Amino acid sequence: MPLSAVQAKVAKSDARFRTCVFGRRAGKTTLAIREMIKFASNPNSNIWYVSPSYRMSKEIVWHKLCDILLDLRWVAKKNESDLTLYLKNGSQISLKGSDNRDSLRGRKIDFLVLDEVADINRSVFFEVLRPALADSRGHALFAGTPKGLGNFLKDLYDKSLVDENWESFHATTLEGGFVSEEEIEEAKHILDTRTFAQEMLADFVESGQKIFYNFDLDHSVQPYENDIPRTIHIGHDFNVGFMTAVMFDVQADGTLWAFDEIVLTSSNTDEMVKEIKNRFPTNKIVCYPDPSAKAQKSSAGGRTDISILQNAGFIVKAPNRHNPVRDTINATNSMLKNAGGVRRMYFDPKCRQTITSMDRWQYKEGSMIPEKDGAVDHSHLCDCVRYITDYLNPIRKHFEPQPLKRWGHQTF
């Protein structure tokens, strides 16, 4: 199999435990498949691939793995429901999810791939999977992209410093050889500094618990000195009894400038509409609500929030489903300040509560889960900002797909 220089270096290592910290699209999934097939060529071996969820394992690996092994005619039986391939030499390759840890107990493993390690609880490996490698003296390949300094992946990466059974490898997206320099330069302008360093450079970076780490009171808060625009763009968050909205001027260069906010307690969507019309009676209103507002009814009379906005004459723009929260946060941080140092989002001092929320919204201690049930819930106004940003300036993932590889192994 033709390997990139980075992949070949990992494949040649005879360390029992190998940790690969790669940038996005640097080839770690193809490498994982290659290594699983190599270890499965030993008769009666039990090979496991574990990612954060069963669904993720299926989407990332299953179809590629099946295509390759079926082409090679190595497969004796395929179990789609269990995501298991039974090979003609008695070996098995099974795909699992770490979210169901009880299903991972009780089996001997000869070779383990733990993918997207930064999103897996360390106890799944040390308490469940590590014992399964003991009696067989099994090997393991850990792969992922960094997510902070105090993370399981960083712990594994550092093990090579103190244990000769471990070896660690690092590669940026560009070094992986599957993404062009032009794509990397474009990503530099789309992503914020921290995300670019983490996702593309595979750097372990830390920003504390603050979610919008690129929000800066000295730079992000600036007076809005223009007239109120004819078209007002509003990010909405609807909650039972608690309504929030942030008003933006979307400027010609794509800059988002928040110039007003509305926070209503013990209220509903009809009252929010009334307040918007009272403040801006002649303006064209474009709304960017939570996508789930298409179904939820936090309004009087049981009508959906979106239908109330539309019946009021507002234009409503919402995707059919949520993008991952992590992507919407990254998109917002990129607007606050991208990897090139450019800021395209500002807040007028009048948006007092929004500014406080943007500055203070944090992750739960020791996790990457946004805090939503603290003494003061800063998520609602931040959600308003996330929804409009994600619709107008989403993180676009359009790298050229990596071509499917074929192996020339001899059939059994």
Protein backbone atom coordinates (compact mmCIF):
# COMPACT_ATOMS: atom_id res chain seq x y z
CA MET A 1 0.00 0.00 0.00
CA PRO A 2 1.37 3.45 -0.88
CA LEU A 3 1.76 5.41 2.34
CA SER A 4 2.60 9.03 2.92
CA ALA A 5 5.88 9.71 4.71
CA VAL A 6 4.00 10.34 7.96
CA GLN A 7 1.93 7.16 7.68
CA ALA A 8 4.97 5.07 6.76
CA LYS A 9 6.86 6.27 9.84
CA VAL A 10 4.01 5.08 12.08
CA ALA A 11 3.59 1.80 10.20
CA LYS A 12 7.29 0.94 10.54
CA SER A 13 7.30 1.40 14.31
CA ASP A 14 7.39 -1.81 16.34
CA ALA A 15 6.27 -0.09 19.57
CA ARG A 16 3.46 -1.90 21.31
CA PHE A 17 1.50 1.32 21.88
CA ARG A 18 1.56 4.07 19.26
CA THR A 19 -0.07 7.49 19.62
CA CYS A 20 -0.76 9.57 16.51
CA VAL A 21 -1.62 13.25 16.98
CA PHE A 22 -2.58 14.38 13.49
CA GLY A 23 -4.25 17.42 12.01
CA ARG A 24 -7.56 16.97 10.22
CA ARG A 25 -7.38 15.05 6.93
CA ALA A 26 -3.79 13.99 7.63
CA GLY A 27 -4.54 10.32 6.93
CA LYS A 28 -5.08 8.77 10.35
CA THR A 29 -8.25 6.85 9.35
CA THR A 30 -6.60 5.25 6.33
CA LEU A 31 -3.62 4.37 8.48
CA ALA A 32 -5.92 2.80 11.08
CA ILE A 33 -7.60 0.65 8.42
CA ARG A 34 -4.23 -0.42 7.05
CA GLU A 35 -3.01 -1.43 10.50
CA MET A 36 -6.19 -3.36 11.29
CA ILE A 37 -5.83 -5.35 8.10
CA LYS A 38 -2.14 -6.03 8.81
CA PHE A 39 -2.88 -7.42 12.28
CA ALA A 40 -5.92 -9.32 11.01
CA SER A 41 -3.70 -11.20 8.55
CA ASN A 42 -2.47 -13.19 11.57
CA PRO A 43 -4.87 -16.16 11.93
CA ASN A 44 -7.47 -16.13 14.71
CA SER A 45 -6.79 -12.55 15.76
CA ASN A 46 -9.39 -10.31 17.37
CA ILE A 47 -9.20 -6.72 16.09
CA TRP A 48 -11.23 -3.84 17.51
CA TYR A 49 -11.80 -0.31 16.28
CA VAL A 50 -13.34 1.98 18.95
CA SER A 51 -14.43 5.59 18.40
CA PRO A 52 -16.54 7.87 20.63
CA SER A 53 -19.80 6.34 19.33
CA TYR A 54 -21.06 3.28 17.48
CA ARG A 55 -22.57 5.51 14.81
CA MET A 56 -19.29 7.34 14.30
CA SER A 57 -17.43 4.05 13.88
CA LYS A 58 -19.86 3.02 11.19
CA GLU A 59 -19.65 6.32 9.35
CA ILE A 60 -15.87 6.66 9.53
CA VAL A 61 -14.59 3.15 8.87
CA TRP A 62 -17.18 0.46 8.14
CA HIS A 63 -17.85 0.99 4.44
CA LYS A 64 -14.19 1.63 3.52
CA LEU A 65 -13.08 -1.44 5.45
CA CYS A 66 -15.77 -3.64 3.88
CA ASP A 67 -14.96 -2.46 0.35
CA ILE A 68 -11.28 -3.26 0.73
CA LEU A 69 -11.65 -6.68 2.35
CA LEU A 70 -14.44 -7.78 0.02
CA ASP A 71 -12.28 -6.81 -2.96
CA LEU A 72 -9.48 -8.91 -1.50
CA ARG A 73 -11.91 -11.80 -0.89
CA TRP A 74 -10.80 -12.11 2.70
CA VAL A 75 -14.34 -12.04 4.15
CA ALA A 76 -16.10 -15.24 5.18
CA LYS A 77 -19.09 -13.50 6.74
CA LYS A 78 -20.26 -9.91 7.33
CA ASN A 79 -22.53 -8.93 10.21
CA GLU A 80 -23.90 -5.46 9.47
CA SER A 81 -25.87 -5.14 12.71
CA ASP A 82 -22.83 -5.88 14.89
CA LEU A 83 -20.35 -4.14 12.56
CA THR A 84 -18.19 -7.27 12.55
CA LEU A 85 -16.27 -8.91 9.72
CA TYR A 86 -15.36 -12.61 10.05
CA LEU A 87 -12.34 -13.43 7.90
CA LYS A 88 -11.42 -16.71 6.24
CA ASN A 89 -8.36 -17.16 8.45
CA GLY A 90 -10.46 -17.07 11.62
CA SER A 91 -9.73 -13.43 12.49
CA GLN A 92 -12.46 -10.92 13.36
CA ILE A 93 -12.58 -7.15 12.94
CA SER A 94 -15.22 -5.42 15.06
CA LEU A 95 -16.24 -1.76 15.23
CA LYS A 96 -17.42 -0.39 18.57
CA GLY A 97 -18.46 2.82 20.34
CA SER A 98 -17.00 3.96 23.66
CA ASP A 99 -20.40 5.40 24.62
CA ASN A 100 -21.57 1.87 25.45
CA ARG A 101 -18.72 0.81 27.71
CA ASP A 102 -20.50 -2.29 29.04
CA SER A 103 -20.48 -3.78 25.53
CA LEU A 104 -16.67 -3.55 25.54
CA ARG A 105 -16.09 -5.92 28.44
CA GLY A 106 -15.03 -9.56 28.46
CA ARG A 107 -13.20 -10.09 25.17
CA LYS A 108 -9.52 -10.66 24.45
CA ILE A 109 -8.14 -8.11 21.98
CA ASP A 110 -5.04 -8.65 19.86
CA PHE A 111 -5.01 -5.22 18.25
CA LEU A 112 -6.97 -2.12 19.24
CA VAL A 113 -7.51 1.16 17.42
CA LEU A 114 -8.83 3.97 19.60
CA ASP A 115 -9.84 6.81 17.27
CA GLU A 116 -10.79 10.42 18.07
CA VAL A 117 -9.24 9.81 21.49
CA ALA A 118 -9.78 13.37 22.70
CA ASP A 119 -13.52 12.65 22.87
CA ILE A 120 -13.20 9.35 24.76
CA ASN A 121 -13.25 9.05 28.54
CA ARG A 122 -9.88 7.79 29.79
CA SER A 123 -11.61 5.27 32.07
CA VAL A 124 -12.90 3.40 29.00
CA PHE A 125 -9.34 2.51 28.09
CA PHE A 126 -7.70 2.03 31.48
CA GLU A 127 -10.61 0.22 33.14
CA VAL A 128 -12.16 -1.71 30.25
CA LEU A 129 -9.94 -2.00 27.16
CA ARG A 130 -6.46 -2.10 28.64
CA PRO A 131 -7.19 -5.32 30.60
CA ALA A 132 -8.45 -6.90 27.34
CA LEU A 133 -4.97 -6.45 25.83
CA ALA A 134 -3.17 -8.04 28.78
CA ASP A 135 -3.30 -11.80 28.23
CA SER A 136 -2.62 -11.54 24.49
CA ARG A 137 0.07 -8.86 24.91
CA GLY A 138 -2.01 -6.99 22.35
CA HIS A 139 -0.96 -3.83 20.54
CA ALA A 140 -2.83 -0.55 20.28
CA LEU A 141 -2.93 2.47 17.98
CA PHE A 142 -4.31 5.74 19.39
CA ALA A 143 -5.27 8.47 16.96
CA GLY A 144 -6.86 11.88 17.22
CA THR A 145 -6.69 15.63 16.91
CA PRO A 146 -5.89 17.67 20.04
CA LYS A 147 -8.54 19.19 22.26
CA GLY A 148 -6.81 21.14 25.00
CA LEU A 149 -3.85 20.35 27.23
CA GLY A 150 -5.64 18.55 30.05
CA ASN A 151 -7.00 15.84 27.79
CA PHE A 152 -6.70 12.05 27.56
CA LEU A 153 -4.97 12.30 24.16
CA LYS A 154 -2.25 14.55 25.63
CA ASP A 155 -1.69 12.03 28.45
CA LEU A 156 -1.20 9.22 25.94
CA TYR A 157 1.04 11.34 23.72
CA ASP A 158 3.34 12.06 26.68
CA LYS A 159 3.66 8.40 27.71
CA SER A 160 6.47 7.87 25.22
CA LEU A 161 8.61 10.16 27.37
CA VAL A 162 8.61 7.71 30.27
CA ASP A 163 7.77 4.28 28.83
CA GLU A 164 9.77 2.46 26.13
CA ASN A 165 6.68 0.49 25.06
CA TRP A 166 5.12 3.70 23.77
CA GLU A 167 5.98 5.84 20.74
CA SER A 168 4.30 9.07 19.72
CA PHE A 169 3.94 10.72 16.31
CA HIS A 170 2.86 14.20 15.29
CA ALA A 171 1.80 15.57 11.90
CA THR A 172 0.07 18.71 10.71
CA THR A 173 -2.64 18.57 8.06
CA LEU A 174 -0.17 19.78 5.44
CA GLU A 175 2.45 17.20 6.45
CA GLY A 176 -0.16 14.49 6.00
CA GLY A 177 0.07 15.07 2.27
CA PHE A 178 -3.62 14.90 1.40
CA VAL A 179 -4.58 18.59 1.63
CA SER A 180 -2.99 21.28 -0.52
CA GLU A 181 -1.24 24.41 0.71
CA GLU A 182 -4.00 26.47 -0.91
CA GLU A 183 -6.63 24.72 1.24
CA ILE A 184 -4.55 25.32 4.35
CA GLU A 185 -4.23 29.03 3.55
CA GLU A 186 -7.98 29.26 3.00
CA ALA A 187 -8.60 27.51 6.32
CA LYS A 188 -6.34 30.05 8.01
CA HIS A 189 -8.76 32.81 7.01
CA ILE A 190 -11.88 30.82 7.92
CA LEU A 191 -10.81 29.44 11.29
CA ASP A 192 -9.88 31.35 14.41
CA THR A 193 -6.31 31.21 15.73
CA ARG A 194 -6.87 28.53 18.37
CA THR A 195 -8.96 26.28 16.14
CA PHE A 196 -6.45 26.52 13.29
CA ALA A 197 -3.59 25.61 15.64
CA GLN A 198 -5.57 22.72 17.07
CA GLU A 199 -7.29 21.29 13.97
CA MET A 200 -4.68 21.97 11.28
CA LEU A 201 -1.38 22.21 13.14
CA ALA A 202 -2.34 19.49 15.65
CA ASP A 203 -1.05 21.65 18.49
CA PHE A 204 -2.07 21.15 22.09
CA VAL A 205 -3.40 24.57 23.01
CA GLU A 206 -5.30 25.70 26.09
CA SER A 207 -7.73 28.56 26.58
CA GLY A 208 -9.09 27.73 30.01
CA GLN A 209 -12.82 27.13 30.35
CA LYS A 210 -13.92 30.24 28.43
CA ILE A 211 -15.96 29.23 25.37
CA PHE A 212 -15.57 32.39 23.28
CA TYR A 213 -11.86 32.80 23.97
CA ASN A 214 -11.49 35.28 21.10
CA PHE A 215 -14.00 37.66 22.66
CA ASP A 216 -12.00 40.57 24.04
CA LEU A 217 -13.61 43.45 25.94
CA ASP A 218 -11.03 45.89 24.58
CA HIS A 219 -11.41 44.89 20.94
CA SER A 220 -14.79 43.17 20.50
CA VAL A 221 -16.81 45.92 22.20
CA GLN A 222 -16.94 48.98 19.94
CA PRO A 223 -19.59 51.73 19.55
CA TYR A 224 -21.94 51.25 16.60
CA GLU A 225 -21.86 54.67 14.94
CA ASN A 226 -24.02 54.04 11.85
CA ASP A 227 -27.75 54.65 11.52
CA ILE A 228 -30.03 51.72 12.27
CA PRO A 229 -29.96 49.63 9.06
CA ARG A 230 -33.07 49.24 6.93
CA THR A 231 -32.66 45.47 7.20
CA ILE A 232 -32.09 44.19 10.73
CA HIS A 233 -30.75 40.68 11.28
CA ILE A 234 -31.76 39.10 14.58
CA GLY A 235 -30.40 36.03 16.34
CA HIS A 236 -33.15 34.43 18.48
CA ASP A 237 -33.21 31.96 21.32
CA PHE A 238 -36.61 30.76 22.55
CA ASN A 239 -37.10 29.24 25.96
CA VAL A 240 -40.23 28.67 27.97
CA GLY A 241 -40.78 31.94 29.81
CA PHE A 242 -37.44 33.46 28.73
CA MET A 243 -36.98 35.17 25.36
CA THR A 244 -33.72 36.62 24.02
CA ALA A 245 -32.77 38.39 20.79
CA VAL A 246 -29.65 40.18 19.55
CA MET A 247 -29.91 42.69 16.68
CA PHE A 248 -27.15 42.86 14.08
CA ASP A 249 -26.14 45.01 11.16
CA VAL A 250 -24.71 42.63 8.53
CA GLN A 251 -22.27 44.85 6.70
CA ALA A 252 -21.12 44.63 3.09
CA ASP A 253 -17.83 42.93 3.97
CA GLY A 254 -19.59 40.31 6.09
CA THR A 255 -18.88 41.96 9.45
CA LEU A 256 -21.57 41.35 12.09
CA TRP A 257 -22.14 44.33 14.40
CA ALA A 258 -24.55 43.85 17.30
CA PHE A 259 -26.23 47.15 18.13
CA ASP A 260 -29.16 46.16 20.38
CA GLU A 261 -30.58 43.33 22.49
CA ILE A 262 -33.91 42.23 23.93
CA VAL A 263 -34.30 40.08 27.04
CA LEU A 264 -37.83 39.24 28.18
CA THR A 265 -38.58 37.14 31.26
CA SER A 266 -41.91 35.42 31.98
CA SER A 267 -42.77 36.01 28.35
CA ASN A 268 -43.51 34.28 25.05
CA THR A 269 -42.82 34.62 21.33
CA ASP A 270 -45.84 36.88 20.67
CA GLU A 271 -44.54 39.40 23.19
CA MET A 272 -41.06 39.24 21.63
CA VAL A 273 -42.57 40.03 18.21
CA LYS A 274 -44.49 42.95 19.69
CA GLU A 275 -41.34 44.36 21.30
CA ILE A 276 -39.37 44.09 18.03
CA LYS A 277 -42.12 45.90 16.13
CA ASN A 278 -42.29 48.62 18.78
CA ARG A 279 -38.55 49.28 18.46
CA PHE A 280 -38.25 48.89 14.69
CA PRO A 281 -41.71 49.53 13.17
CA THR A 282 -40.58 50.22 9.59
CA ASN A 283 -37.53 48.00 9.23
CA LYS A 284 -37.25 44.76 7.35
CA ILE A 285 -36.60 41.98 9.88
CA VAL A 286 -34.64 38.79 9.15
CA CYS A 287 -34.62 36.23 11.97
CA TYR A 288 -32.15 33.42 12.69
CA PRO A 289 -33.68 31.19 15.36
CA ASP A 290 -32.78 27.88 16.90
CA PRO A 291 -33.54 25.22 14.20
CA SER A 292 -35.63 23.30 16.74
CA ALA A 293 -37.99 26.30 16.88
CA LYS A 294 -39.68 24.77 13.84
CA ALA A 295 -41.30 22.35 16.24
CA GLN A 296 -41.15 23.86 19.72
CA LYS A 297 -44.04 25.84 21.16
CA SER A 298 -42.82 28.26 23.81
CA SER A 299 -45.50 30.65 22.59
CA ALA A 300 -49.02 31.43 23.68
CA GLY A 301 -51.65 29.27 22.00
CA GLY A 302 -49.37 26.38 21.13
CA ARG A 303 -48.23 27.70 17.73
CA THR A 304 -44.60 27.13 16.73
CA ASP A 305 -42.14 29.94 17.33
CA ILE A 306 -41.19 30.11 13.67
CA SER A 307 -44.80 30.31 12.47
CA ILE A 308 -45.36 33.29 14.79
CA LEU A 309 -42.32 35.07 13.35
CA GLN A 310 -43.45 34.39 9.80
CA ASN A 311 -47.02 35.51 10.46
CA ALA A 312 -45.60 38.76 11.83
CA GLY A 313 -44.03 39.40 8.42
CA PHE A 314 -40.49 38.53 9.45
CA ILE A 315 -38.20 36.55 7.16
CA VAL A 316 -37.03 33.41 8.94
CA LYS A 317 -33.78 31.64 8.08
CA ALA A 318 -32.98 28.43 9.91
CA PRO A 319 -31.31 25.19 8.79
CA ASN A 320 -33.26 21.95 8.91
CA ARG A 321 -31.07 20.60 11.69
CA HIS A 322 -28.43 21.69 14.16
CA ASN A 323 -24.80 21.73 13.19
CA PRO A 324 -22.55 20.33 15.93
CA VAL A 325 -22.28 22.81 18.83
CA ARG A 326 -18.50 22.64 18.58
CA ASP A 327 -18.66 23.83 14.95
CA THR A 328 -20.96 26.75 15.78
CA ILE A 329 -18.63 27.80 18.61
CA ASN A 330 -15.63 27.59 16.29
CA ALA A 331 -17.49 29.64 13.67
CA THR A 332 -18.22 32.35 16.23
CA ASN A 333 -14.64 32.41 17.51
CA SER A 334 -13.48 32.73 13.91
CA MET A 335 -15.68 35.79 13.41
CA LEU A 336 -14.41 37.28 16.67
CA LYS A 337 -10.83 36.82 15.41
CA ASN A 338 -9.59 34.46 12.71
CA ALA A 339 -6.16 32.89 12.35
CA GLY A 340 -5.02 35.89 10.32
CA GLY A 341 -5.86 38.24 13.19
CA VAL A 342 -8.91 39.74 11.45
CA ARG A 343 -12.00 40.60 13.53
CA ARG A 344 -15.43 40.56 11.86
CA MET A 345 -17.77 40.69 14.86
CA TYR A 346 -18.36 43.60 17.24
CA PHE A 347 -20.81 44.52 20.00
CA ASP A 348 -22.05 48.00 20.88
CA PRO A 349 -21.80 48.77 24.62
CA LYS A 350 -25.61 49.01 24.60
CA CYS A 351 -25.69 45.18 24.35
CA ARG A 352 -24.74 44.96 28.00
CA GLN A 353 -26.12 41.51 28.85
CA THR A 354 -24.87 39.97 25.61
CA ILE A 355 -21.37 41.29 26.26
CA THR A 356 -21.40 39.83 29.77
CA SER A 357 -22.56 36.45 28.46
CA MET A 358 -20.01 36.35 25.65
CA ASP A 359 -17.24 37.12 28.12
CA ARG A 360 -18.33 34.70 30.87
CA TRP A 361 -19.88 31.66 29.20
CA GLN A 362 -17.70 28.66 30.09
CA TYR A 363 -17.37 24.93 29.71
CA LYS A 364 -18.21 22.74 32.66
CA GLU A 365 -15.16 22.07 34.76
CA GLY A 366 -12.96 19.36 33.25
CA SER A 367 -15.11 18.90 30.14
CA MET A 368 -15.97 20.35 26.73
CA ILE A 369 -19.68 20.61 27.61
CA PRO A 370 -21.02 24.20 27.63
CA GLU A 371 -22.40 25.29 31.00
CA LYS A 372 -26.17 25.76 30.87
CA ASP A 373 -27.30 25.28 34.44
CA GLY A 374 -25.04 27.51 36.49
CA ALA A 375 -26.14 30.14 38.98
CA VAL A 376 -26.33 32.57 36.04
CA ASP A 377 -27.12 31.00 32.66
CA HIS A 378 -25.08 32.85 30.01
CA SER A 379 -25.98 30.43 27.22
CA HIS A 380 -29.18 32.10 25.92
CA LEU A 381 -27.73 35.31 24.51
CA CYS A 382 -24.65 33.42 23.33
CA ASP A 383 -26.96 31.05 21.49
CA CYS A 384 -28.49 34.03 19.68
CA VAL A 385 -25.01 34.92 18.46
CA ARG A 386 -24.21 31.31 17.54
CA TYR A 387 -27.36 30.81 15.46
CA ILE A 388 -26.91 33.84 13.22
CA THR A 389 -23.17 33.23 12.86
CA ASP A 390 -23.60 29.58 11.96
CA TYR A 391 -26.18 30.42 9.29
CA LEU A 392 -24.26 33.28 7.68
CA ASN A 393 -20.66 32.16 8.26
CA PRO A 394 -20.54 28.44 9.05
CA ILE A 395 -17.38 26.41 9.31
CA ARG A 396 -17.22 24.86 5.87
CA LYS A 397 -15.58 21.48 5.52
CA HIS A 398 -14.83 21.04 1.86
CA PHE A 399 -11.42 19.39 1.68
CA GLU A 400 -10.94 17.07 -1.25
CA PRO A 401 -11.84 13.52 -0.20
CA GLN A 402 -8.94 11.14 0.20
CA PRO A 403 -8.98 8.52 -2.60
CA LEU A 404 -9.83 4.99 -1.56
CA LYS A 405 -6.73 2.83 -1.25
CA ARG A 406 -6.43 -0.80 -2.32
CA TRP A 407 -4.07 -3.35 -0.83
CA GLY A 408 -2.37 -6.04 -2.81
CA HIS A 409 -2.39 -8.71 -0.11
CA GLN A 410 -2.58 -12.31 -1.11
CA THR A 411 -5.99 -13.88 -0.46
CA PHE A 412 -6.34 -16.70 2.01
